[in-house]
Amino acid sequence: MAKVLIVEDEAILALNIKMVLVRLNHEVVGIADNGADAINIAREQDPDIILMDIVLKGSMNGIEAAGVINRDKAYNIIYMTGHTDTATVDAARKTNPIGFMFKPIMPYQLEKVIAEAMK
C-alpha cells in the first residue's frame, strides 16, 4: 500500500484517480488543485508517491511545485499531463520524476506505474 498525494486541477479527474487508488488499496493522503496546497500537504503527510499534474490553478504550475517539494526531500513524483511537447517534458524531467503518465489516465496504467514506483 502506498500513501499517495494527488495534485490535479480538474476535480472530476482527481476524484476518479482517488477511486482507482482506493480500489487498489492505496491511501490517498490528500488532493490539491494548486501548487501551494500541494507543497503544504506533501510536507504534512509525507506521501510515498505524488501524482502531479503540470497545469494547476494559481500562479504555480506542477513543475514549479515539484521543484519546491523536492527541496525538502526527494519524493517519488509521477507527472500526469496532457502536454507532451518537448519543452514541457524536458522542464519536468529536470525535477527528477520517477515517471510520466499522459492523459487520459487509464486505471491499468495507474496501477502499473504505482506498482513500479513501490518496488
N, C-alpha and C. Protein backbone atom coordinates (compact mmCIF):
# COMPACT_ATOMS: atom_id res chain seq x y z
N MET A 1 0.83 -1.18 0.00
CA MET A 1 0.00 0.00 0.00
C MET A 1 0.88 1.25 0.00
N ALA A 2 0.51 2.20 -0.85
CA ALA A 2 1.25 3.45 -0.94
C ALA A 2 0.40 4.60 -0.42
N LYS A 3 1.06 5.57 0.20
CA LYS A 3 0.42 6.83 0.57
C LYS A 3 0.62 7.77 -0.62
N VAL A 4 -0.51 8.23 -1.20
CA VAL A 4 -0.44 8.99 -2.44
C VAL A 4 -1.08 10.37 -2.27
N LEU A 5 -0.39 11.37 -2.78
CA LEU A 5 -0.92 12.73 -2.88
C LEU A 5 -1.28 12.96 -4.35
N ILE A 6 -2.51 13.38 -4.59
CA ILE A 6 -2.97 13.69 -5.94
C ILE A 6 -2.97 15.20 -6.11
N VAL A 7 -2.27 15.68 -7.12
CA VAL A 7 -2.24 17.11 -7.43
C VAL A 7 -2.81 17.27 -8.84
N GLU A 8 -4.06 17.71 -8.91
CA GLU A 8 -4.80 17.76 -10.17
C GLU A 8 -5.82 18.87 -10.08
N ASP A 9 -5.85 19.76 -11.08
CA ASP A 9 -6.77 20.89 -11.03
C ASP A 9 -8.18 20.55 -11.51
N GLU A 10 -8.38 19.44 -12.15
CA GLU A 10 -9.71 19.03 -12.59
C GLU A 10 -10.30 18.10 -11.53
N ALA A 11 -11.30 18.61 -10.80
CA ALA A 11 -11.87 17.89 -9.65
C ALA A 11 -12.40 16.52 -10.01
N ILE A 12 -13.09 16.40 -11.12
CA ILE A 12 -13.66 15.10 -11.51
C ILE A 12 -12.55 14.09 -11.77
N LEU A 13 -11.51 14.50 -12.46
CA LEU A 13 -10.38 13.61 -12.73
C LEU A 13 -9.69 13.21 -11.42
N ALA A 14 -9.50 14.17 -10.52
CA ALA A 14 -8.86 13.87 -9.23
C ALA A 14 -9.67 12.83 -8.46
N LEU A 15 -10.99 12.99 -8.45
CA LEU A 15 -11.84 12.02 -7.73
C LEU A 15 -11.83 10.66 -8.40
N ASN A 16 -11.79 10.62 -9.73
CA ASN A 16 -11.69 9.33 -10.43
C ASN A 16 -10.37 8.62 -10.09
N ILE A 17 -9.29 9.37 -10.06
CA ILE A 17 -7.98 8.80 -9.69
C ILE A 17 -8.03 8.29 -8.26
N LYS A 18 -8.65 9.06 -7.37
CA LYS A 18 -8.77 8.64 -5.97
C LYS A 18 -9.54 7.33 -5.88
N MET A 19 -10.65 7.21 -6.61
CA MET A 19 -11.44 5.97 -6.57
C MET A 19 -10.63 4.77 -7.03
N VAL A 20 -9.84 4.94 -8.08
CA VAL A 20 -9.00 3.84 -8.57
C VAL A 20 -7.96 3.48 -7.52
N LEU A 21 -7.31 4.46 -6.93
CA LEU A 21 -6.28 4.20 -5.93
C LEU A 21 -6.85 3.48 -4.71
N VAL A 22 -8.02 3.92 -4.24
CA VAL A 22 -8.65 3.29 -3.08
C VAL A 22 -9.01 1.84 -3.42
N ARG A 23 -9.54 1.63 -4.61
CA ARG A 23 -9.87 0.27 -5.06
C ARG A 23 -8.63 -0.62 -5.09
N LEU A 24 -7.47 -0.02 -5.36
CA LEU A 24 -6.21 -0.77 -5.39
C LEU A 24 -5.55 -0.84 -4.02
N ASN A 25 -6.28 -0.41 -2.98
CA ASN A 25 -5.83 -0.46 -1.58
C ASN A 25 -4.70 0.51 -1.25
N HIS A 26 -4.65 1.63 -1.94
CA HIS A 26 -3.70 2.68 -1.60
C HIS A 26 -4.41 3.75 -0.77
N GLU A 27 -3.64 4.48 0.01
CA GLU A 27 -4.19 5.54 0.84
C GLU A 27 -3.96 6.89 0.17
N VAL A 28 -5.02 7.62 -0.09
CA VAL A 28 -4.90 8.96 -0.65
C VAL A 28 -4.81 9.93 0.53
N VAL A 29 -3.64 10.55 0.69
CA VAL A 29 -3.41 11.43 1.85
C VAL A 29 -3.85 12.86 1.60
N GLY A 30 -4.21 13.16 0.36
CA GLY A 30 -4.69 14.50 0.06
C GLY A 30 -4.87 14.70 -1.43
N ILE A 31 -5.68 15.72 -1.74
CA ILE A 31 -5.88 16.16 -3.11
C ILE A 31 -5.69 17.66 -3.12
N ALA A 32 -4.85 18.13 -4.02
CA ALA A 32 -4.60 19.57 -4.15
C ALA A 32 -4.84 19.97 -5.60
N ASP A 33 -5.35 21.19 -5.80
CA ASP A 33 -5.55 21.68 -7.16
C ASP A 33 -4.61 22.84 -7.49
N ASN A 34 -3.70 23.15 -6.55
CA ASN A 34 -2.75 24.23 -6.79
C ASN A 34 -1.42 23.90 -6.12
N GLY A 35 -0.38 24.58 -6.54
CA GLY A 35 0.97 24.29 -6.05
C GLY A 35 1.17 24.52 -4.58
N ALA A 36 0.63 25.60 -4.05
CA ALA A 36 0.84 25.91 -2.63
C ALA A 36 0.24 24.83 -1.74
N ASP A 37 -0.98 24.39 -2.06
CA ASP A 37 -1.60 23.31 -1.27
C ASP A 37 -0.82 22.01 -1.42
N ALA A 38 -0.33 21.73 -2.62
CA ALA A 38 0.45 20.52 -2.84
C ALA A 38 1.70 20.50 -1.96
N ILE A 39 2.38 21.63 -1.89
CA ILE A 39 3.59 21.74 -1.07
C ILE A 39 3.25 21.50 0.41
N ASN A 40 2.20 22.15 0.88
CA ASN A 40 1.81 22.00 2.29
C ASN A 40 1.40 20.57 2.62
N ILE A 41 0.60 19.96 1.77
CA ILE A 41 0.17 18.58 2.04
C ILE A 41 1.36 17.63 2.00
N ALA A 42 2.26 17.82 1.05
CA ALA A 42 3.45 16.95 0.97
C ALA A 42 4.27 17.06 2.26
N ARG A 43 4.43 18.27 2.77
CA ARG A 43 5.21 18.46 4.00
C ARG A 43 4.51 17.85 5.21
N GLU A 44 3.19 17.95 5.25
CA GLU A 44 2.43 17.44 6.40
C GLU A 44 2.24 15.93 6.37
N GLN A 45 2.02 15.38 5.18
CA GLN A 45 1.62 13.98 5.07
C GLN A 45 2.75 13.04 4.64
N ASP A 46 3.84 13.55 4.11
CA ASP A 46 4.98 12.75 3.67
C ASP A 46 4.55 11.55 2.83
N PRO A 47 3.93 11.81 1.66
CA PRO A 47 3.45 10.71 0.82
C PRO A 47 4.59 9.88 0.22
N ASP A 48 4.26 8.64 -0.11
CA ASP A 48 5.22 7.78 -0.82
C ASP A 48 5.33 8.20 -2.28
N ILE A 49 4.21 8.64 -2.84
CA ILE A 49 4.13 9.00 -4.25
C ILE A 49 3.29 10.26 -4.40
N ILE A 50 3.73 11.13 -5.30
CA ILE A 50 2.95 12.31 -5.63
C ILE A 50 2.60 12.22 -7.12
N LEU A 51 1.29 12.19 -7.40
CA LEU A 51 0.80 12.24 -8.78
C LEU A 51 0.58 13.70 -9.10
N MET A 52 1.40 14.26 -9.98
CA MET A 52 1.45 15.72 -10.19
C MET A 52 1.03 16.10 -11.60
N ASP A 53 -0.06 16.85 -11.70
CA ASP A 53 -0.45 17.45 -12.97
C ASP A 53 0.50 18.63 -13.22
N ILE A 54 0.67 18.99 -14.46
CA ILE A 54 1.57 20.11 -14.77
C ILE A 54 0.81 21.44 -14.75
N VAL A 55 -0.39 21.46 -15.28
CA VAL A 55 -1.19 22.68 -15.27
C VAL A 55 -2.06 22.66 -14.02
N LEU A 56 -1.88 23.66 -13.15
CA LEU A 56 -2.62 23.75 -11.89
C LEU A 56 -3.30 25.10 -11.78
N LYS A 57 -4.21 25.21 -10.83
CA LYS A 57 -4.80 26.50 -10.52
C LYS A 57 -3.76 27.36 -9.81
N GLY A 58 -3.92 28.66 -9.90
CA GLY A 58 -2.99 29.56 -9.21
C GLY A 58 -1.80 29.92 -10.08
N SER A 59 -0.83 30.56 -9.45
CA SER A 59 0.31 31.10 -10.19
C SER A 59 1.45 30.10 -10.38
N MET A 60 1.40 28.98 -9.69
CA MET A 60 2.48 27.99 -9.75
C MET A 60 2.02 26.77 -10.53
N ASN A 61 2.85 26.30 -11.47
CA ASN A 61 2.49 25.06 -12.16
C ASN A 61 3.07 23.86 -11.42
N GLY A 62 2.75 22.67 -11.89
CA GLY A 62 3.19 21.45 -11.23
C GLY A 62 4.70 21.26 -11.22
N ILE A 63 5.35 21.72 -12.27
CA ILE A 63 6.81 21.59 -12.33
C ILE A 63 7.46 22.46 -11.26
N GLU A 64 6.96 23.67 -11.11
CA GLU A 64 7.48 24.57 -10.08
C GLU A 64 7.19 24.00 -8.68
N ALA A 65 5.98 23.49 -8.49
CA ALA A 65 5.62 22.91 -7.19
C ALA A 65 6.52 21.71 -6.88
N ALA A 66 6.77 20.87 -7.86
CA ALA A 66 7.63 19.70 -7.66
C ALA A 66 9.04 20.14 -7.27
N GLY A 67 9.53 21.20 -7.89
CA GLY A 67 10.85 21.71 -7.54
C GLY A 67 10.94 22.14 -6.09
N VAL A 68 9.90 22.83 -5.60
CA VAL A 68 9.87 23.26 -4.20
C VAL A 68 9.75 22.05 -3.28
N ILE A 69 8.86 21.13 -3.61
CA ILE A 69 8.66 19.93 -2.80
C ILE A 69 9.95 19.13 -2.68
N ASN A 70 10.66 19.00 -3.78
CA ASN A 70 11.90 18.20 -3.77
C ASN A 70 13.05 18.88 -3.05
N ARG A 71 12.92 20.15 -2.70
CA ARG A 71 13.97 20.80 -1.90
C ARG A 71 13.99 20.24 -0.49
N ASP A 72 12.81 19.85 -0.01
CA ASP A 72 12.71 19.28 1.34
C ASP A 72 13.18 17.84 1.39
N LYS A 73 12.83 17.08 0.38
CA LYS A 73 13.10 15.65 0.36
C LYS A 73 12.88 15.18 -1.07
N ALA A 74 13.61 14.16 -1.49
CA ALA A 74 13.41 13.61 -2.83
C ALA A 74 12.18 12.71 -2.83
N TYR A 75 11.08 13.22 -3.34
CA TYR A 75 9.83 12.48 -3.40
C TYR A 75 9.71 11.71 -4.71
N ASN A 76 8.91 10.67 -4.69
CA ASN A 76 8.59 9.91 -5.90
C ASN A 76 7.46 10.65 -6.61
N ILE A 77 7.83 11.46 -7.59
CA ILE A 77 6.84 12.24 -8.33
C ILE A 77 6.61 11.61 -9.68
N ILE A 78 5.32 11.45 -9.99
CA ILE A 78 4.90 10.95 -11.29
C ILE A 78 4.04 12.05 -11.90
N TYR A 79 4.46 12.55 -13.05
CA TYR A 79 3.68 13.59 -13.71
C TYR A 79 2.51 12.98 -14.47
N MET A 80 1.36 13.65 -14.39
CA MET A 80 0.19 13.31 -15.19
C MET A 80 -0.07 14.54 -16.05
N THR A 81 -0.04 14.38 -17.35
CA THR A 81 -0.17 15.57 -18.19
C THR A 81 -0.74 15.25 -19.56
N GLY A 82 -1.38 16.23 -20.12
CA GLY A 82 -1.81 16.16 -21.50
C GLY A 82 -0.84 16.90 -22.41
N HIS A 83 0.16 17.53 -21.79
CA HIS A 83 1.15 18.31 -22.54
C HIS A 83 2.36 17.43 -22.86
N THR A 84 2.47 17.05 -24.11
CA THR A 84 3.55 16.14 -24.49
C THR A 84 4.64 16.83 -25.31
N ASP A 85 4.58 18.16 -25.39
CA ASP A 85 5.60 18.87 -26.16
C ASP A 85 6.96 18.73 -25.49
N THR A 86 7.99 18.78 -26.28
CA THR A 86 9.35 18.55 -25.80
C THR A 86 9.76 19.52 -24.71
N ALA A 87 9.43 20.79 -24.85
CA ALA A 87 9.84 21.80 -23.86
C ALA A 87 9.24 21.49 -22.49
N THR A 88 7.95 21.12 -22.44
CA THR A 88 7.30 20.82 -21.17
C THR A 88 7.89 19.58 -20.54
N VAL A 89 8.04 18.52 -21.33
CA VAL A 89 8.58 17.26 -20.80
C VAL A 89 10.02 17.46 -20.33
N ASP A 90 10.82 18.21 -21.09
CA ASP A 90 12.21 18.47 -20.68
C ASP A 90 12.26 19.27 -19.38
N ALA A 91 11.39 20.26 -19.23
CA ALA A 91 11.34 21.05 -17.99
C ALA A 91 10.95 20.15 -16.82
N ALA A 92 9.99 19.28 -17.02
CA ALA A 92 9.55 18.37 -15.96
C ALA A 92 10.66 17.39 -15.59
N ARG A 93 11.40 16.92 -16.56
CA ARG A 93 12.49 15.96 -16.29
C ARG A 93 13.55 16.54 -15.36
N LYS A 94 13.72 17.85 -15.36
CA LYS A 94 14.72 18.49 -14.51
C LYS A 94 14.41 18.34 -13.03
N THR A 95 13.17 17.97 -12.69
CA THR A 95 12.79 17.76 -11.29
C THR A 95 12.95 16.30 -10.88
N ASN A 96 13.53 15.49 -11.74
CA ASN A 96 13.83 14.08 -11.47
C ASN A 96 12.60 13.25 -11.10
N PRO A 97 11.56 13.28 -11.94
CA PRO A 97 10.39 12.45 -11.64
C PRO A 97 10.72 10.98 -11.85
N ILE A 98 9.92 10.12 -11.25
CA ILE A 98 10.14 8.69 -11.49
C ILE A 98 9.33 8.20 -12.67
N GLY A 99 8.48 9.06 -13.22
CA GLY A 99 7.72 8.66 -14.39
C GLY A 99 6.75 9.72 -14.88
N PHE A 100 6.13 9.38 -16.01
CA PHE A 100 5.13 10.22 -16.64
C PHE A 100 3.94 9.37 -17.01
N MET A 101 2.75 9.92 -16.88
CA MET A 101 1.53 9.31 -17.42
C MET A 101 0.87 10.38 -18.26
N PHE A 102 0.56 10.04 -19.49
CA PHE A 102 -0.05 11.01 -20.37
C PHE A 102 -1.56 10.80 -20.39
N LYS A 103 -2.28 11.90 -20.27
CA LYS A 103 -3.74 11.85 -20.22
C LYS A 103 -4.31 11.47 -21.57
N PRO A 104 -5.41 10.74 -21.57
CA PRO A 104 -6.24 10.35 -20.42
C PRO A 104 -5.58 9.21 -19.63
N ILE A 105 -5.72 9.28 -18.31
CA ILE A 105 -5.14 8.28 -17.42
C ILE A 105 -6.08 7.07 -17.37
N MET A 106 -5.54 5.91 -17.64
CA MET A 106 -6.31 4.67 -17.59
C MET A 106 -6.01 3.94 -16.28
N PRO A 107 -7.01 3.31 -15.67
CA PRO A 107 -6.79 2.61 -14.40
C PRO A 107 -5.64 1.61 -14.42
N TYR A 108 -5.52 0.82 -15.49
CA TYR A 108 -4.43 -0.16 -15.56
C TYR A 108 -3.08 0.53 -15.62
N GLN A 109 -3.01 1.69 -16.28
CA GLN A 109 -1.77 2.46 -16.36
C GLN A 109 -1.39 2.97 -14.98
N LEU A 110 -2.37 3.47 -14.26
CA LEU A 110 -2.15 3.98 -12.90
C LEU A 110 -1.67 2.85 -11.99
N GLU A 111 -2.30 1.70 -12.09
CA GLU A 111 -1.91 0.55 -11.27
C GLU A 111 -0.48 0.14 -11.55
N LYS A 112 -0.11 0.09 -12.81
CA LYS A 112 1.24 -0.31 -13.20
C LYS A 112 2.30 0.68 -12.72
N VAL A 113 2.03 1.96 -12.89
CA VAL A 113 3.01 3.00 -12.50
C VAL A 113 3.20 3.01 -10.99
N ILE A 114 2.12 2.86 -10.24
CA ILE A 114 2.23 2.84 -8.77
C ILE A 114 3.00 1.61 -8.32
N ALA A 115 2.71 0.46 -8.91
CA ALA A 115 3.42 -0.77 -8.56
C ALA A 115 4.90 -0.64 -8.83
N GLU A 116 5.26 -0.07 -9.96
CA GLU A 116 6.68 0.13 -10.29
C GLU A 116 7.35 1.08 -9.30
N ALA A 117 6.65 2.12 -8.93
CA ALA A 117 7.20 3.10 -8.00
C ALA A 117 7.44 2.51 -6.61
N MET A 118 6.65 1.53 -6.24
CA MET A 118 6.75 0.95 -4.89
C MET A 118 7.78 -0.18 -4.79
N LYS A 119 8.42 -0.53 -5.90
CA LYS A 119 9.44 -1.60 -5.87
C LYS A 119 10.67 -1.16 -5.13
